[in-house]
Amino acid sequence: MDAPTSSDEIATLRQIVANLTLELEALKQEQQQQQTAGQPASSQAPGGHDAETADKSRQALKDRRRQLERDRRIEALIDDGTLFKDICTTALGTRTYFLWDETSKSPGMTYRLARALCDASNEAFLQLDVLPEEMTADNFEDVCMRVDDMAWRLEEFRPRQPEPKAEAVAAPAARKGQRHRRRRGPKRQDDPDASNSYTIGGIGIAPRAEDSSSGRQGGRLSHLPLLPGLLCRGKEIRGRAYQGAQVSLITIAAAQRLGVHVSTSSRPTLSPLWPTAEPYVSRGRARIRLRIPAERRAAWVRPVVVDFGDECWDVLVGADVLGRLQTSM
């Protein structure tokens, strides 16, 4: 049965449920009267239905009514244009699949959700060469996941507009006869594009003096991809990192799954959980500006910088830092 286009079907189902309820109540009263009179109780309802069959039919109709009401609420979100409100552009397919999984999965509801997803991710649909009419119950999940993957790729290669810098406020003129005190020491620069920092893949890291002496410059930084298919001790680790960056974000829990142990000292030694692997060395903590290009959010934090050897570095951050960036892994 297709999704309703009006409230007539819901009203009809409510009437049928009410009639079955009245029949069951009449059957119960008749059984009580027969037991009181000493006669064998009849198992037939006044309408000729078996009591158990009528009860199952009523429950099935109730479930069907709840399902139709849920479909109506989702249709209302589509009509209002609020189906993807506050949803990231790289998660529209996941949102659509979860909503579709809660519906009756009828052809009409499947097409409406597919059309809404196509309108919101038109560029991804064009790249995949998929039409909303081609989305069925058999391939709905696969198409939704492919739309999200394509959105990630498009977001990665889309050129970014430079962020506007704050306008400098003119300092008040010094009073007559009052000396102007010079501020000693280097001025703290919070601009990620300043000379004492650089940005690779949207993440700016200030170079350390010890790194310059040892010949390790920022251009040699590389990232440890936390992507599906990465194997560790025979177990697959699932996650997502910004593929265009040369420094990626992983949580402490993900680091432990990789076999990396993080101590609490200021310059911790990161050792693997099993004794046969090579230990990892920490470069200490550095004040860096973490930025997620897909979300256009940034924050100044002090994470642990890890040296994995062979000029491969990474940044370990915890759940509190990811919370400030309004993301999770």
C-alpha atoms as a PDB file:
ATOM      1  CA  MET A   1       0.000   0.000   0.000  1.00  0.00           C
ATOM      2  CA  ASP A   2       1.426   3.377  -1.009  1.00  0.00           C
ATOM      3  CA  ALA A   3       1.871   6.290   1.331  1.00  0.00           C
ATOM      4  CA  PRO A   4      -1.335   8.311   1.787  1.00  0.00           C
ATOM      5  CA  THR A   5      -1.797  11.554  -0.020  1.00  0.00           C
ATOM      6  CA  SER A   6      -4.481  12.800   2.380  1.00  0.00           C
ATOM      7  CA  SER A   7      -5.845  12.033   5.823  1.00  0.00           C
ATOM      8  CA  ASP A   8      -8.656   9.821   4.444  1.00  0.00           C
ATOM      9  CA  GLU A   9      -6.714   6.570   4.836  1.00  0.00           C
ATOM     10  CA  ILE A  10      -5.699   7.389   8.403  1.00  0.00           C
ATOM     11  CA  ALA A  11      -9.307   8.218   9.294  1.00  0.00           C
ATOM     12  CA  THR A  12     -10.480   4.934   7.742  1.00  0.00           C
ATOM     13  CA  LEU A  13      -7.931   2.941   9.721  1.00  0.00           C
ATOM     14  CA  ARG A  14      -8.976   4.642  12.931  1.00  0.00           C
ATOM     15  CA  GLN A  15     -12.606   3.732  12.259  1.00  0.00           C
ATOM     16  CA  ILE A  16     -11.685   0.080  11.588  1.00  0.00           C
ATOM     17  CA  VAL A  17      -9.655  -0.096  14.809  1.00  0.00           C
ATOM     18  CA  ALA A  18     -12.573   1.390  16.741  1.00  0.00           C
ATOM     19  CA  ASN A  19     -15.000  -1.178  15.276  1.00  0.00           C
ATOM     20  CA  LEU A  20     -12.679  -4.072  16.125  1.00  0.00           C
ATOM     21  CA  THR A  21     -12.293  -2.753  19.651  1.00  0.00           C
ATOM     22  CA  LEU A  22     -16.082  -2.684  20.096  1.00  0.00           C
ATOM     23  CA  GLU A  23     -16.351  -6.252  18.786  1.00  0.00           C
ATOM     24  CA  LEU A  24     -13.708  -7.480  21.227  1.00  0.00           C
ATOM     25  CA  GLU A  25     -15.417  -5.761  24.145  1.00  0.00           C
ATOM     26  CA  ALA A  26     -18.732  -7.362  23.177  1.00  0.00           C
ATOM     27  CA  LEU A  27     -17.033 -10.769  22.926  1.00  0.00           C
ATOM     28  CA  LYS A  28     -15.521 -10.412  26.396  1.00  0.00           C
ATOM     29  CA  GLN A  29     -18.888  -9.473  27.913  1.00  0.00           C
ATOM     30  CA  GLU A  30     -20.549 -12.449  26.210  1.00  0.00           C
ATOM     31  CA  GLN A  31     -17.874 -14.832  27.538  1.00  0.00           C
ATOM     32  CA  GLN A  32     -18.303 -13.495  31.066  1.00  0.00           C
ATOM     33  CA  GLN A  33     -22.080 -13.960  30.897  1.00  0.00           C
ATOM     34  CA  GLN A  34     -21.731 -17.529  29.596  1.00  0.00           C
ATOM     35  CA  GLN A  35     -19.237 -18.414  32.322  1.00  0.00           C
ATOM     36  CA  THR A  36     -21.597 -17.014  34.942  1.00  0.00           C
ATOM     37  CA  ALA A  37     -24.491 -19.089  33.537  1.00  0.00           C
ATOM     38  CA  GLY A  38     -22.317 -22.233  33.389  1.00  0.00           C
ATOM     39  CA  GLN A  39     -22.381 -22.448  29.580  1.00  0.00           C
ATOM     40  CA  PRO A  40     -19.246 -22.983  27.449  1.00  0.00           C
ATOM     41  CA  ALA A  41     -17.786 -19.688  26.299  1.00  0.00           C
ATOM     42  CA  SER A  42     -18.015 -18.874  22.623  1.00  0.00           C
ATOM     43  CA  SER A  43     -14.812 -17.968  20.788  1.00  0.00           C
ATOM     44  CA  GLN A  44     -16.603 -16.085  18.000  1.00  0.00           C
ATOM     45  CA  ALA A  45     -17.060 -12.334  18.029  1.00  0.00           C
ATOM     46  CA  PRO A  46     -20.467 -10.861  17.093  1.00  0.00           C
ATOM     47  CA  GLY A  47     -19.117 -10.031  13.635  1.00  0.00           C
ATOM     48  CA  GLY A  48     -18.037 -13.622  13.025  1.00  0.00           C
ATOM     49  CA  HIS A  49     -14.313 -13.029  13.771  1.00  0.00           C
ATOM     50  CA  ASP A  50     -12.180 -15.216  15.990  1.00  0.00           C
ATOM     51  CA  ALA A  51     -11.005 -13.397  19.127  1.00  0.00           C
ATOM     52  CA  GLU A  52      -7.311 -13.999  18.499  1.00  0.00           C
ATOM     53  CA  THR A  53      -7.616 -13.056  14.833  1.00  0.00           C
ATOM     54  CA  ALA A  54      -9.480  -9.873  15.695  1.00  0.00           C
ATOM     55  CA  ASP A  55      -6.830  -8.937  18.262  1.00  0.00           C
ATOM     56  CA  LYS A  56      -4.016  -9.453  15.739  1.00  0.00           C
ATOM     57  CA  SER A  57      -5.885  -7.484  13.105  1.00  0.00           C
ATOM     58  CA  ARG A  58      -6.398  -4.607  15.490  1.00  0.00           C
ATOM     59  CA  GLN A  59      -2.699  -4.568  16.437  1.00  0.00           C
ATOM     60  CA  ALA A  60      -1.669  -4.683  12.770  1.00  0.00           C
ATOM     61  CA  LEU A  61      -3.965  -1.788  11.951  1.00  0.00           C
ATOM     62  CA  LYS A  62      -2.582   0.209  14.873  1.00  0.00           C
ATOM     63  CA  ASP A  63       0.960  -0.364  13.637  1.00  0.00           C
ATOM     64  CA  ARG A  64      -0.090   0.642  10.139  1.00  0.00           C
ATOM     65  CA  ARG A  65      -1.692   3.817  11.453  1.00  0.00           C
ATOM     66  CA  ARG A  66       1.464   4.772  13.378  1.00  0.00           C
ATOM     67  CA  GLN A  67       3.539   4.137  10.258  1.00  0.00           C
ATOM     68  CA  LEU A  68       1.276   6.335   8.148  1.00  0.00           C
ATOM     69  CA  GLU A  69       1.405   9.119  10.721  1.00  0.00           C
ATOM     70  CA  ARG A  70       5.211   8.890  10.691  1.00  0.00           C
ATOM     71  CA  ASP A  71       5.164   9.140   6.899  1.00  0.00           C
ATOM     72  CA  ARG A  72       2.930  12.187   7.148  1.00  0.00           C
ATOM     73  CA  ARG A  73       5.386  13.916   9.495  1.00  0.00           C
ATOM     74  CA  ILE A  74       8.288  13.280   7.111  1.00  0.00           C
ATOM     75  CA  GLU A  75       6.199  14.532   4.180  1.00  0.00           C
ATOM     76  CA  ALA A  76       5.465  17.684   6.174  1.00  0.00           C
ATOM     77  CA  LEU A  77       9.225  18.239   6.659  1.00  0.00           C
ATOM     78  CA  ILE A  78       9.749  17.845   2.908  1.00  0.00           C
ATOM     79  CA  ASP A  79       6.933  20.283   2.111  1.00  0.00           C
ATOM     80  CA  ASP A  80       8.248  22.846   4.623  1.00  0.00           C
ATOM     81  CA  GLY A  81      11.797  22.584   3.296  1.00  0.00           C
ATOM     82  CA  THR A  82      13.186  21.756   6.763  1.00  0.00           C
ATOM     83  CA  LEU A  83      14.166  18.139   6.079  1.00  0.00           C
ATOM     84  CA  PHE A  84      17.894  18.973   6.020  1.00  0.00           C
ATOM     85  CA  LYS A  85      17.901  21.855   8.469  1.00  0.00           C
ATOM     86  CA  ASP A  86      21.272  22.224  10.276  1.00  0.00           C
ATOM     87  CA  ILE A  87      22.656  19.153   8.440  1.00  0.00           C
ATOM     88  CA  CYS A  88      26.176  19.244   6.981  1.00  0.00           C
ATOM     89  CA  THR A  89      26.360  18.964   3.196  1.00  0.00           C
ATOM     90  CA  THR A  90      28.517  15.837   3.531  1.00  0.00           C
ATOM     91  CA  ALA A  91      25.891  14.025   5.637  1.00  0.00           C
ATOM     92  CA  LEU A  92      22.733  14.586   3.594  1.00  0.00           C
ATOM     93  CA  GLY A  93      22.740  11.029   2.249  1.00  0.00           C
ATOM     94  CA  THR A  94      23.069   9.516   5.724  1.00  0.00           C
ATOM     95  CA  ARG A  95      20.228  11.685   7.002  1.00  0.00           C
ATOM     96  CA  THR A  96      18.018  10.671   4.063  1.00  0.00           C
ATOM     97  CA  TYR A  97      18.694   6.959   4.540  1.00  0.00           C
ATOM     98  CA  PHE A  98      17.873   7.031   8.260  1.00  0.00           C
ATOM     99  CA  LEU A  99      14.596   8.840   7.556  1.00  0.00           C
ATOM    100  CA  TRP A 100      13.721   6.426   4.755  1.00  0.00           C
ATOM    101  CA  ASP A 101      14.464   3.455   7.024  1.00  0.00           C
ATOM    102  CA  GLU A 102      11.802   4.722   9.452  1.00  0.00           C
ATOM    103  CA  THR A 103       9.115   5.045   6.774  1.00  0.00           C
ATOM    104  CA  SER A 104       6.922   2.429   5.115  1.00  0.00           C
ATOM    105  CA  LYS A 105       9.468   2.240   2.230  1.00  0.00           C
ATOM    106  CA  SER A 106       6.659   2.606  -0.273  1.00  0.00           C
ATOM    107  CA  PRO A 107       7.494   3.700  -3.846  1.00  0.00           C
ATOM    108  CA  GLY A 108       5.856   7.078  -3.290  1.00  0.00           C
ATOM    109  CA  MET A 109       7.803   7.830  -0.102  1.00  0.00           C
ATOM    110  CA  THR A 110      11.029   6.518  -1.647  1.00  0.00           C
ATOM    111  CA  TYR A 111      10.656   8.867  -4.618  1.00  0.00           C
ATOM    112  CA  ARG A 112       9.846  11.888  -2.447  1.00  0.00           C
ATOM    113  CA  LEU A 113      12.937  11.391  -0.272  1.00  0.00           C
ATOM    114  CA  ALA A 114      15.091  10.723  -3.341  1.00  0.00           C
ATOM    115  CA  ARG A 115      13.827  13.917  -4.984  1.00  0.00           C
ATOM    116  CA  ALA A 116      14.513  15.927  -1.811  1.00  0.00           C
ATOM    117  CA  LEU A 117      18.056  14.526  -1.626  1.00  0.00           C
ATOM    118  CA  CYS A 118      18.624  15.317  -5.307  1.00  0.00           C
ATOM    119  CA  ASP A 119      17.474  18.915  -4.828  1.00  0.00           C
ATOM    120  CA  ALA A 120      19.846  19.340  -1.860  1.00  0.00           C
ATOM    121  CA  SER A 121      22.833  17.524  -3.466  1.00  0.00           C
ATOM    122  CA  ASN A 122      22.286  18.256  -7.129  1.00  0.00           C
ATOM    123  CA  GLU A 123      26.006  18.501  -7.898  1.00  0.00           C
ATOM    124  CA  ALA A 124      26.713  15.074  -6.381  1.00  0.00           C
ATOM    125  CA  PHE A 125      23.841  13.520  -8.363  1.00  0.00           C
ATOM    126  CA  LEU A 126      25.217  15.004 -11.575  1.00  0.00           C
ATOM    127  CA  GLN A 127      28.671  13.586 -10.888  1.00  0.00           C
ATOM    128  CA  LEU A 128      27.222  10.146 -10.089  1.00  0.00           C
ATOM    129  CA  ASP A 129      24.870  10.278 -13.109  1.00  0.00           C
ATOM    130  CA  VAL A 130      21.944   9.020 -11.011  1.00  0.00           C
ATOM    131  CA  LEU A 131      18.294  10.037 -11.290  1.00  0.00           C
ATOM    132  CA  PRO A 132      15.861  10.076  -8.342  1.00  0.00           C
ATOM    133  CA  GLU A 133      13.529   7.808 -10.335  1.00  0.00           C
ATOM    134  CA  GLU A 134      16.244   5.132 -10.345  1.00  0.00           C
ATOM    135  CA  MET A 135      16.411   4.930  -6.532  1.00  0.00           C
ATOM    136  CA  THR A 136      14.470   1.935  -5.233  1.00  0.00           C
ATOM    137  CA  ALA A 137      14.316  -0.010  -1.990  1.00  0.00           C
ATOM    138  CA  ASP A 138      17.119  -2.258  -3.254  1.00  0.00           C
ATOM    139  CA  ASN A 139      19.714   0.440  -3.967  1.00  0.00           C
ATOM    140  CA  PHE A 140      18.538   3.318  -1.744  1.00  0.00           C
ATOM    141  CA  GLU A 141      21.207   2.827   0.938  1.00  0.00           C
ATOM    142  CA  ASP A 142      24.003   2.413  -1.607  1.00  0.00           C
ATOM    143  CA  VAL A 143      23.067   5.583  -3.498  1.00  0.00           C
ATOM    144  CA  CYS A 144      22.826   7.611  -0.265  1.00  0.00           C
ATOM    145  CA  MET A 145      26.311   6.530   0.823  1.00  0.00           C
ATOM    146  CA  ARG A 146      27.729   7.275  -2.637  1.00  0.00           C
ATOM    147  CA  VAL A 147      26.185  10.755  -2.528  1.00  0.00           C
ATOM    148  CA  ASP A 148      27.950  11.468   0.775  1.00  0.00           C
ATOM    149  CA  ASP A 149      31.285  10.197  -0.565  1.00  0.00           C
ATOM    150  CA  MET A 150      30.946  12.371  -3.667  1.00  0.00           C
ATOM    151  CA  ALA A 151      30.060  15.371  -1.482  1.00  0.00           C
ATOM    152  CA  TRP A 152      33.296  14.838   0.467  1.00  0.00           C
ATOM    153  CA  ARG A 153      35.313  14.792  -2.759  1.00  0.00           C
ATOM    154  CA  LEU A 154      33.624  17.895  -4.129  1.00  0.00           C
ATOM    155  CA  GLU A 155      34.159  19.699  -0.820  1.00  0.00           C
ATOM    156  CA  GLU A 156      37.832  18.752  -0.874  1.00  0.00           C
ATOM    157  CA  PHE A 157      38.538  20.228  -4.303  1.00  0.00           C
ATOM    158  CA  ARG A 158      36.248  23.251  -4.005  1.00  0.00           C
ATOM    159  CA  PRO A 159      38.281  26.495  -3.803  1.00  0.00           C
ATOM    160  CA  ARG A 160      38.028  28.328  -0.509  1.00  0.00           C
ATOM    161  CA  GLN A 161      37.352  32.000  -0.128  1.00  0.00           C
ATOM    162  CA  PRO A 162      39.902  33.758   2.107  1.00  0.00           C
ATOM    163  CA  GLU A 163      38.505  34.633   5.481  1.00  0.00           C
ATOM    164  CA  PRO A 164      38.117  38.378   6.053  1.00  0.00           C
ATOM    165  CA  LYS A 165      40.596  39.745   8.541  1.00  0.00           C
ATOM    166  CA  ALA A 166      39.491  41.952  11.383  1.00  0.00           C
ATOM    167  CA  GLU A 167      40.003  45.639  10.711  1.00  0.00           C
ATOM    168  CA  ALA A 168      42.727  47.247  12.761  1.00  0.00           C
ATOM    169  CA  VAL A 169      41.446  49.724  15.344  1.00  0.00           C
ATOM    170  CA  ALA A 170      43.366  53.002  15.436  1.00  0.00           C
ATOM    171  CA  ALA A 171      45.188  53.566  18.732  1.00  0.00           C
ATOM    172  CA  PRO A 172      44.162  56.678  20.684  1.00  0.00           C
ATOM    173  CA  ALA A 173      46.481  59.654  20.262  1.00  0.00           C
ATOM    174  CA  ALA A 174      48.962  60.170  23.092  1.00  0.00           C
ATOM    175  CA  ARG A 175      48.345  63.132  25.330  1.00  0.00           C
ATOM    176  CA  LYS A 176      50.655  66.096  25.226  1.00  0.00           C
ATOM    177  CA  GLY A 177      53.626  65.670  27.516  1.00  0.00           C
ATOM    178  CA  GLN A 178      53.003  61.943  27.958  1.00  0.00           C
ATOM    179  CA  ARG A 179      55.563  59.482  26.688  1.00  0.00           C
ATOM    180  CA  HIS A 180      54.446  56.576  24.587  1.00  0.00           C
ATOM    181  CA  ARG A 181      55.656  53.325  26.082  1.00  0.00           C
ATOM    182  CA  ARG A 182      56.901  50.752  23.689  1.00  0.00           C
ATOM    183  CA  ARG A 183      55.729  47.236  24.119  1.00  0.00           C
ATOM    184  CA  ARG A 184      58.684  44.950  24.566  1.00  0.00           C
ATOM    185  CA  GLY A 185      58.922  41.427  23.230  1.00  0.00           C
ATOM    186  CA  PRO A 186      57.430  39.921  20.123  1.00  0.00           C
ATOM    187  CA  LYS A 187      53.782  40.575  19.619  1.00  0.00           C
ATOM    188  CA  ARG A 188      51.578  37.534  19.857  1.00  0.00           C
ATOM    189  CA  GLN A 189      50.080  36.774  16.480  1.00  0.00           C
ATOM    190  CA  ASP A 190      46.808  34.899  16.329  1.00  0.00           C
ATOM    191  CA  ASP A 191      46.649  35.068  12.564  1.00  0.00           C
ATOM    192  CA  PRO A 192      47.274  31.621  11.038  1.00  0.00           C
ATOM    193  CA  ASP A 193      48.725  33.328   7.960  1.00  0.00           C
ATOM    194  CA  ALA A 194      51.369  35.177   9.989  1.00  0.00           C
ATOM    195  CA  SER A 195      55.092  34.704   9.397  1.00  0.00           C
ATOM    196  CA  ASN A 196      55.607  32.465  12.442  1.00  0.00           C
ATOM    197  CA  SER A 197      53.027  29.935  11.323  1.00  0.00           C
ATOM    198  CA  TYR A 198      51.909  28.247   8.178  1.00  0.00           C
ATOM    199  CA  THR A 199      48.905  26.351   6.965  1.00  0.00           C
ATOM    200  CA  ILE A 200      48.929  22.937   5.326  1.00  0.00           C
ATOM    201  CA  GLY A 201      45.595  21.550   4.335  1.00  0.00           C
ATOM    202  CA  GLY A 202      43.804  24.064   6.510  1.00  0.00           C
ATOM    203  CA  ILE A 203      45.789  23.330   9.709  1.00  0.00           C
ATOM    204  CA  GLY A 204      48.376  25.903  10.768  1.00  0.00           C
ATOM    205  CA  ILE A 205      51.337  24.855  12.949  1.00  0.00           C
ATOM    206  CA  ALA A 206      53.948  27.195  14.343  1.00  0.00           C
ATOM    207  CA  PRO A 207      57.500  25.877  13.664  1.00  0.00           C
ATOM    208  CA  ARG A 208      59.505  24.967  16.769  1.00  0.00           C
ATOM    209  CA  ALA A 209      63.121  26.042  17.304  1.00  0.00           C
ATOM    210  CA  GLU A 210      64.292  22.479  17.920  1.00  0.00           C
ATOM    211  CA  ASP A 211      62.625  21.379  14.703  1.00  0.00           C
ATOM    212  CA  SER A 212      64.504  24.024  12.733  1.00  0.00           C
ATOM    213  CA  SER A 213      67.827  22.927  14.236  1.00  0.00           C
ATOM    214  CA  SER A 214      67.172  19.288  13.416  1.00  0.00           C
ATOM    215  CA  GLY A 215      66.147  20.113   9.873  1.00  0.00           C
ATOM    216  CA  ARG A 216      62.499  19.175  10.346  1.00  0.00           C
ATOM    217  CA  GLN A 217      60.421  21.825   8.653  1.00  0.00           C
ATOM    218  CA  GLY A 218      56.702  22.059   8.248  1.00  0.00           C
ATOM    219  CA  GLY A 219      56.855  21.123   4.608  1.00  0.00           C
ATOM    220  CA  ARG A 220      57.929  17.629   5.595  1.00  0.00           C
ATOM    221  CA  LEU A 221      54.822  16.960   7.604  1.00  0.00           C
ATOM    222  CA  SER A 222      52.650  14.157   6.345  1.00  0.00           C
ATOM    223  CA  HIS A 223      49.468  12.630   7.597  1.00  0.00           C
ATOM    224  CA  LEU A 224      48.428   9.214   8.839  1.00  0.00           C
ATOM    225  CA  PRO A 225      45.245   8.508   6.880  1.00  0.00           C
ATOM    226  CA  LEU A 226      42.451   7.312   9.133  1.00  0.00           C
ATOM    227  CA  LEU A 227      40.277   5.878   6.381  1.00  0.00           C
ATOM    228  CA  PRO A 228      38.204   2.712   5.894  1.00  0.00           C
ATOM    229  CA  GLY A 229      40.461  -0.168   4.930  1.00  0.00           C
ATOM    230  CA  LEU A 230      43.346   0.706   7.278  1.00  0.00           C
ATOM    231  CA  LEU A 231      44.290  -2.534   9.068  1.00  0.00           C
ATOM    232  CA  CYS A 232      45.823  -2.757  12.528  1.00  0.00           C
ATOM    233  CA  ARG A 233      46.562  -6.142  14.100  1.00  0.00           C
ATOM    234  CA  GLY A 234      44.051  -7.767  11.779  1.00  0.00           C
ATOM    235  CA  LYS A 235      41.217  -5.386  12.714  1.00  0.00           C
ATOM    236  CA  GLU A 236      39.813  -2.763  10.398  1.00  0.00           C
ATOM    237  CA  ILE A 237      39.727   0.771  11.782  1.00  0.00           C
ATOM    238  CA  ARG A 238      36.956   2.957  10.478  1.00  0.00           C
ATOM    239  CA  GLY A 239      37.215   6.717  10.500  1.00  0.00           C
ATOM    240  CA  ARG A 240      37.476   9.736   8.266  1.00  0.00           C
ATOM    241  CA  ALA A 241      40.197  12.324   7.844  1.00  0.00           C
ATOM    242  CA  TYR A 242      40.517  15.286   5.536  1.00  0.00           C
ATOM    243  CA  GLN A 243      42.375  13.655   2.656  1.00  0.00           C
ATOM    244  CA  GLY A 244      43.847  16.893   1.330  1.00  0.00           C
ATOM    245  CA  ALA A 245      45.543  17.740   4.617  1.00  0.00           C
ATOM    246  CA  GLN A 246      49.073  16.737   5.545  1.00  0.00           C
ATOM    247  CA  VAL A 247      48.164  16.710   9.227  1.00  0.00           C
ATOM    248  CA  SER A 248      45.105  14.763  10.294  1.00  0.00           C
ATOM    249  CA  LEU A 249      43.053  14.634  13.478  1.00  0.00           C
ATOM    250  CA  ILE A 250      42.613  11.425  15.432  1.00  0.00           C
ATOM    251  CA  THR A 251      41.154  10.970  18.882  1.00  0.00           C
ATOM    252  CA  ILE A 252      42.927   9.413  21.843  1.00  0.00           C
ATOM    253  CA  ALA A 253      40.686   6.347  21.502  1.00  0.00           C
ATOM    254  CA  ALA A 254      41.629   5.994  17.845  1.00  0.00           C
ATOM    255  CA  ALA A 255      45.300   6.308  18.778  1.00  0.00           C
ATOM    256  CA  GLN A 256      44.921   3.496  21.278  1.00  0.00           C
ATOM    257  CA  ARG A 257      43.243   1.347  18.634  1.00  0.00           C
ATOM    258  CA  LEU A 258      46.281   2.010  16.461  1.00  0.00           C
ATOM    259  CA  GLY A 259      48.467   0.701  19.276  1.00  0.00           C
ATOM    260  CA  VAL A 260      49.688   4.098  20.522  1.00  0.00           C
ATOM    261  CA  HIS A 261      49.727   4.844  24.248  1.00  0.00           C
ATOM    262  CA  VAL A 262      49.644   8.505  25.331  1.00  0.00           C
ATOM    263  CA  SER A 263      51.097   9.350  28.742  1.00  0.00           C
ATOM    264  CA  THR A 264      50.263  12.460  30.759  1.00  0.00           C
ATOM    265  CA  SER A 265      53.730  14.094  30.887  1.00  0.00           C
ATOM    266  CA  SER A 266      54.502  17.289  29.000  1.00  0.00           C
ATOM    267  CA  ARG A 267      56.734  15.462  26.499  1.00  0.00           C
ATOM    268  CA  PRO A 268      55.297  11.944  26.556  1.00  0.00           C
ATOM    269  CA  THR A 269      56.858   8.911  24.964  1.00  0.00           C
ATOM    270  CA  LEU A 270      54.281   7.152  22.868  1.00  0.00           C
ATOM    271  CA  SER A 271      54.835   3.414  22.998  1.00  0.00           C
ATOM    272  CA  PRO A 272      52.789   0.744  21.213  1.00  0.00           C
ATOM    273  CA  LEU A 273      50.535  -1.553  23.167  1.00  0.00           C
ATOM    274  CA  TRP A 274      52.345  -4.677  21.891  1.00  0.00           C
ATOM    275  CA  PRO A 275      56.120  -5.126  22.417  1.00  0.00           C
ATOM    276  CA  THR A 276      57.093  -6.100  18.862  1.00  0.00           C
ATOM    277  CA  ALA A 277      56.307  -2.752  17.213  1.00  0.00           C
ATOM    278  CA  GLU A 278      58.562   0.295  17.014  1.00  0.00           C
ATOM    279  CA  PRO A 279      57.932   2.979  19.657  1.00  0.00           C
ATOM    280  CA  TYR A 280      56.660   6.371  18.593  1.00  0.00           C
ATOM    281  CA  VAL A 281      58.222   9.611  19.793  1.00  0.00           C
ATOM    282  CA  SER A 282      56.321  12.694  20.846  1.00  0.00           C
ATOM    283  CA  ARG A 283      57.557  16.138  19.879  1.00  0.00           C
ATOM    284  CA  GLY A 284      55.711  17.588  22.837  1.00  0.00           C
ATOM    285  CA  ARG A 285      52.779  19.945  22.706  1.00  0.00           C
ATOM    286  CA  ALA A 286      52.479  22.850  20.298  1.00  0.00           C
ATOM    287  CA  ARG A 287      50.037  25.699  20.097  1.00  0.00           C
ATOM    288  CA  ILE A 288      48.367  25.210  16.727  1.00  0.00           C
ATOM    289  CA  ARG A 289      45.272  26.348  14.966  1.00  0.00           C
ATOM    290  CA  LEU A 290      43.136  23.367  13.972  1.00  0.00           C
ATOM    291  CA  ARG A 291      40.750  23.979  11.155  1.00  0.00           C
ATOM    292  CA  ILE A 292      38.279  21.646   9.480  1.00  0.00           C
ATOM    293  CA  PRO A 293      37.936  22.942   5.916  1.00  0.00           C
ATOM    294  CA  ALA A 294      34.680  21.127   5.218  1.00  0.00           C
ATOM    295  CA  GLU A 295      33.009  22.733   8.240  1.00  0.00           C
ATOM    296  CA  ARG A 296      34.889  26.065   8.198  1.00  0.00           C
ATOM    297  CA  ARG A 297      35.452  25.953  11.950  1.00  0.00           C
ATOM    298  CA  ALA A 298      38.767  26.553  13.700  1.00  0.00           C
ATOM    299  CA  ALA A 299      40.157  26.697  17.225  1.00  0.00           C
ATOM    300  CA  TRP A 300      43.506  27.354  18.926  1.00  0.00           C
ATOM    301  CA  VAL A 301      44.517  24.250  20.905  1.00  0.00           C
ATOM    302  CA  ARG A 302      47.628  22.567  22.339  1.00  0.00           C
ATOM    303  CA  PRO A 303      47.520  18.940  21.192  1.00  0.00           C
ATOM    304  CA  VAL A 304      50.265  16.316  21.289  1.00  0.00           C
ATOM    305  CA  VAL A 305      52.465  16.272  18.177  1.00  0.00           C
ATOM    306  CA  VAL A 306      53.558  12.718  17.388  1.00  0.00           C
ATOM    307  CA  ASP A 307      56.619  11.706  15.367  1.00  0.00           C
ATOM    308  CA  PHE A 308      55.917   8.394  13.626  1.00  0.00           C
ATOM    309  CA  GLY A 309      59.339   8.327  11.957  1.00  0.00           C
ATOM    310  CA  ASP A 310      60.296   8.788   8.298  1.00  0.00           C
ATOM    311  CA  GLU A 311      59.150  12.420   8.473  1.00  0.00           C
ATOM    312  CA  CYS A 312      55.599  11.376   9.257  1.00  0.00           C
ATOM    313  CA  TRP A 313      53.872  13.397  11.948  1.00  0.00           C
ATOM    314  CA  ASP A 314      50.372  13.473  13.324  1.00  0.00           C
ATOM    315  CA  VAL A 315      48.333  15.359  15.902  1.00  0.00           C
ATOM    316  CA  LEU A 316      46.532  13.647  18.779  1.00  0.00           C
ATOM    317  CA  VAL A 317      43.495  15.459  20.140  1.00  0.00           C
ATOM    318  CA  GLY A 318      40.885  14.400  22.652  1.00  0.00           C
ATOM    319  CA  ALA A 319      37.139  14.595  22.805  1.00  0.00           C
ATOM    320  CA  ASP A 320      37.228  18.060  24.413  1.00  0.00           C
ATOM    321  CA  VAL A 321      39.069  19.540  21.423  1.00  0.00           C
ATOM    322  CA  LEU A 322      36.729  17.843  18.974  1.00  0.00           C
ATOM    323  CA  GLY A 323      33.822  19.210  20.989  1.00  0.00           C
ATOM    324  CA  ARG A 324      35.152  22.746  20.532  1.00  0.00           C
ATOM    325  CA  LEU A 325      35.309  22.064  16.809  1.00  0.00           C
ATOM    326  CA  GLN A 326      31.767  20.646  16.951  1.00  0.00           C
ATOM    327  CA  THR A 327      32.832  17.366  15.403  1.00  0.00           C
ATOM    328  CA  SER A 328      33.516  13.786  16.456  1.00  0.00           C
ATOM    329  CA  MET A 329      35.167  10.666  15.066  1.00  0.00           C
END
